[in-house]
Amino acid sequence: MERKETFIENILMASMILLFGIVLFVVLKGWIEGRFSSIASLRSYIQEFGLLGPFILTIIQVLQVVLPVLPGFFGCIVGASMYGAMNGFWINYIGISLGSLMAFWLARRYGASLVKKLISIEKYERFTNWIQTKNSYTFILFLCILLPLAPDDFLCYFSGLISMSFKKFLWIIIFAKPWCILFYCLFFAYFI
C-alpha cells in the first residue's frame, strides 16, 4: 500500500513540474517575443490560447507581481476587456493576490538579498527608509493595497522582510486587494 502511495505522489510531483515547465515556457516565450510590451500585443497573445486564455492571464498576473518588470495594469485591462468586468476581476484578483503572497513568502524565505536583486538599490533604500519612519506600517500597507497606483508590489516584498506575520498580510490582501482590482476592471470593461 505504501509503495502505491509513493508512486501516486511521484506522478503528482512529475505532473506539477511538467505543468510549471509548460507555464514558464509560455510566459517566457511571450516575454521574449515582446508580447507584454503593449495592451494589444498581450491581448493577441492571450487570445491565441483559446479556452486556456484565462488561466494563462492568471499566471501572467502572478508573475507580474513576483517579477516587477512586467506592467501589471496591462493584465487588468486585457482581463476586463476580453472577459468582462466580473470574469476579468476574478482572473486578475486571483493572479495578483497569489503573486502578492508569493512575493511576501519569497522575501521572508530569501531575505533582503533577493529583494535587492529584483528592484533597484535606489528604490530599495527609499522604501527601507520610508518604512522605518512609519509607526503604523500595517495601516499604510492596507491603504497602499487598497488604493490604485500605489507601489503595492514592492510593499509585498518589503512586508516579507519585516516582522509582519503571514496571517496579517494575508488578511490585508483578502480585504484590501479586491477593491482596487474591481475598480480597474469596471473602468476598463466599460470605459476603454
Protein backbone atom coordinates (compact mmCIF):
# COMPACT_ATOMS: atom_id res chain seq x y z
CA MET A 1 0.00 0.00 0.00
CA GLU A 2 2.81 2.39 0.88
CA ARG A 3 4.51 1.72 -2.45
CA LYS A 4 1.32 2.65 -4.32
CA GLU A 5 1.06 5.94 -2.38
CA THR A 6 4.69 6.77 -3.20
CA PHE A 7 4.02 6.04 -6.88
CA ILE A 8 0.98 8.34 -6.87
CA GLU A 9 2.95 11.08 -5.11
CA ASN A 10 5.72 10.77 -7.71
CA ILE A 11 3.20 11.02 -10.56
CA LEU A 12 1.61 14.10 -8.97
CA MET A 13 5.01 15.73 -8.44
CA ALA A 14 6.08 14.99 -12.02
CA SER A 15 2.77 16.41 -13.29
CA MET A 16 3.23 19.58 -11.24
CA ILE A 17 6.78 20.02 -12.52
CA LEU A 18 5.62 19.46 -16.10
CA LEU A 19 2.77 21.95 -15.70
CA PHE A 20 5.12 24.51 -14.17
CA GLY A 21 7.57 23.99 -17.03
CA ILE A 22 4.86 24.50 -19.65
CA VAL A 23 3.57 27.65 -17.97
CA LEU A 24 7.08 29.01 -17.57
CA PHE A 25 7.77 28.30 -21.25
CA VAL A 26 4.57 30.06 -22.33
CA VAL A 27 5.30 33.14 -20.23
CA LEU A 28 8.97 33.34 -21.21
CA LYS A 29 8.08 32.88 -24.87
CA GLY A 30 5.62 35.76 -24.67
CA TRP A 31 8.09 37.97 -22.85
CA ILE A 32 10.93 37.23 -25.30
CA GLU A 33 8.62 37.89 -28.27
CA GLY A 34 7.68 41.26 -26.75
CA ARG A 35 4.06 40.25 -26.17
CA PHE A 36 3.95 42.11 -22.84
CA SER A 37 5.04 45.44 -24.31
CA SER A 38 1.56 46.73 -25.13
CA ILE A 39 -2.05 46.01 -24.33
CA ALA A 40 -2.81 44.99 -27.93
CA SER A 41 0.10 42.53 -28.10
CA LEU A 42 -0.79 40.98 -24.73
CA ARG A 43 -4.45 40.67 -25.76
CA SER A 44 -3.41 39.00 -29.01
CA TYR A 45 -1.13 36.60 -27.15
CA ILE A 46 -3.84 35.60 -24.65
CA GLN A 47 -6.35 35.06 -27.50
CA GLU A 48 -4.01 32.51 -29.07
CA PHE A 49 -4.61 30.19 -26.10
CA GLY A 50 -8.38 29.98 -26.58
CA LEU A 51 -10.07 28.40 -23.58
CA LEU A 52 -6.77 28.37 -21.67
CA GLY A 53 -6.51 32.16 -22.03
CA PRO A 54 -7.92 32.97 -18.56
CA PHE A 55 -5.50 30.51 -16.94
CA ILE A 56 -2.53 31.95 -18.84
CA LEU A 57 -3.55 35.50 -17.92
CA THR A 58 -3.88 34.49 -14.26
CA ILE A 59 -0.34 33.08 -14.33
CA ILE A 60 0.93 36.23 -16.03
CA GLN A 61 -0.68 38.29 -13.26
CA VAL A 62 1.03 36.12 -10.62
CA LEU A 63 4.37 36.67 -12.31
CA GLN A 64 3.92 40.40 -12.86
CA VAL A 65 3.88 40.81 -9.07
CA VAL A 66 6.76 38.40 -8.43
CA LEU A 67 8.89 39.82 -11.25
CA PRO A 68 8.27 43.56 -11.08
CA VAL A 69 9.47 44.11 -14.65
CA LEU A 70 6.07 43.34 -16.16
CA PRO A 71 3.45 46.12 -16.28
CA GLY A 72 0.61 44.91 -14.07
CA PHE A 73 -2.15 47.16 -15.30
CA PHE A 74 -1.84 45.61 -18.79
CA GLY A 75 -3.23 42.37 -17.40
CA CYS A 76 -6.12 44.20 -15.72
CA ILE A 77 -7.03 45.93 -18.97
CA VAL A 78 -6.76 42.74 -21.00
CA GLY A 79 -8.71 40.67 -18.47
CA ALA A 80 -11.56 43.17 -18.25
CA SER A 81 -11.73 43.87 -21.98
CA MET A 82 -11.58 40.20 -23.03
CA TYR A 83 -13.61 38.51 -20.31
CA GLY A 84 -15.85 41.27 -18.96
CA ALA A 85 -15.72 43.15 -15.69
CA MET A 86 -16.53 40.28 -13.31
CA ASN A 87 -14.63 37.46 -15.01
CA GLY A 88 -11.72 39.84 -15.57
CA PHE A 89 -11.92 40.79 -11.90
CA TRP A 90 -11.61 37.17 -10.74
CA ILE A 91 -8.77 36.39 -13.13
CA ASN A 92 -6.85 39.47 -12.01
CA TYR A 93 -7.72 39.18 -8.31
CA ILE A 94 -6.64 35.55 -8.06
CA GLY A 95 -3.44 36.12 -10.03
CA ILE A 96 -2.40 39.34 -8.31
CA SER A 97 -3.27 38.02 -4.84
CA LEU A 98 -1.31 34.81 -5.37
CA GLY A 99 1.60 36.86 -6.69
CA SER A 100 1.44 39.15 -3.66
CA LEU A 101 1.50 36.19 -1.27
CA MET A 102 4.35 34.65 -3.25
CA ALA A 103 6.36 37.91 -3.10
CA PHE A 104 5.87 38.07 0.66
CA TRP A 105 6.96 34.44 1.05
CA LEU A 106 10.00 34.85 -1.22
CA ALA A 107 11.18 37.89 0.75
CA ARG A 108 10.61 36.07 4.04
CA ARG A 109 12.46 32.99 2.77
CA TYR A 110 15.38 34.61 0.92
CA GLY A 111 15.65 37.99 2.62
CA ALA A 112 16.93 41.37 1.54
CA SER A 113 19.48 39.96 -0.89
CA LEU A 114 16.68 38.69 -3.15
CA VAL A 115 14.69 41.92 -2.91
CA LYS A 116 17.78 43.95 -3.83
CA LYS A 117 18.16 41.84 -6.98
CA LEU A 118 14.55 42.41 -8.04
CA ILE A 119 14.42 46.17 -7.63
CA SER A 120 16.96 48.93 -7.99
CA ILE A 121 19.11 49.77 -4.99
CA GLU A 122 17.70 53.31 -5.05
CA LYS A 123 14.13 52.02 -4.69
CA TYR A 124 15.21 49.55 -2.04
CA GLU A 125 16.85 52.25 0.06
CA ARG A 126 13.95 54.66 -0.46
CA PHE A 127 11.38 52.06 0.64
CA THR A 128 13.53 50.90 3.55
CA ASN A 129 13.94 54.46 4.83
CA TRP A 130 10.25 55.17 4.31
CA ILE A 131 9.13 52.01 6.13
CA GLN A 132 11.48 52.65 9.06
CA THR A 133 9.99 56.10 9.66
CA LYS A 134 6.37 54.90 9.76
CA ASN A 135 4.84 53.88 13.08
CA SER A 136 1.69 52.44 11.54
CA TYR A 137 3.09 50.43 8.64
CA THR A 138 0.18 47.96 8.72
CA PHE A 139 -2.34 50.74 8.13
CA ILE A 140 -0.20 52.30 5.40
CA LEU A 141 0.21 48.91 3.71
CA PHE A 142 -3.56 48.40 3.87
CA LEU A 143 -4.13 51.78 2.19
CA CYS A 144 -1.49 51.13 -0.48
CA ILE A 145 -3.01 47.75 -1.30
CA LEU A 146 -6.49 49.31 -1.33
CA LEU A 147 -5.77 52.36 -3.47
CA PRO A 148 -4.91 52.43 -7.18
CA LEU A 149 -1.44 53.40 -8.42
CA ALA A 150 0.32 52.63 -5.13
CA PRO A 151 3.62 50.70 -5.25
CA ASP A 152 1.99 47.66 -3.68
CA ASP A 153 4.09 45.01 -5.47
CA PHE A 154 7.22 46.39 -3.83
CA LEU A 155 5.48 46.65 -0.48
CA CYS A 156 4.60 42.94 -0.65
CA TYR A 157 8.31 42.19 -0.75
CA PHE A 158 9.11 44.67 2.00
CA SER A 159 6.35 43.27 4.20
CA GLY A 160 8.09 39.91 4.00
CA LEU A 161 11.31 41.49 5.27
CA ILE A 162 9.80 42.91 8.44
CA SER A 163 8.18 41.20 11.41
CA MET A 164 4.66 41.22 9.93
CA SER A 165 3.01 37.82 10.22
CA PHE A 166 1.90 35.96 7.12
CA LYS A 167 -1.61 35.77 8.58
CA LYS A 168 -1.85 39.56 8.96
CA PHE A 169 -0.50 40.05 5.44
CA LEU A 170 -3.00 37.51 4.07
CA TRP A 171 -5.94 39.34 5.67
CA ILE A 172 -4.75 42.65 4.22
CA ILE A 173 -4.63 41.07 0.75
CA ILE A 174 -8.06 39.46 1.19
CA PHE A 175 -9.79 42.63 2.40
CA ALA A 176 -7.93 45.42 0.57
CA LYS A 177 -6.83 43.97 -2.77
CA PRO A 178 -10.24 43.29 -4.37
CA TRP A 179 -11.45 46.90 -4.33
CA CYS A 180 -8.66 48.37 -6.43
CA ILE A 181 -8.81 45.50 -8.92
CA LEU A 182 -12.61 45.75 -9.09
CA PHE A 183 -12.32 49.46 -9.81
CA TYR A 184 -9.79 48.80 -12.59
CA CYS A 185 -11.88 46.02 -14.12
CA LEU A 186 -15.11 48.03 -14.09
CA PHE A 187 -13.34 51.04 -15.55
CA PHE A 188 -11.51 49.06 -18.24
CA ALA A 189 -14.54 46.94 -19.17
CA TYR A 190 -16.93 49.83 -19.60
CA PHE A 191 -14.87 52.90 -20.41
CA ILE A 192 -11.96 51.67 -22.52
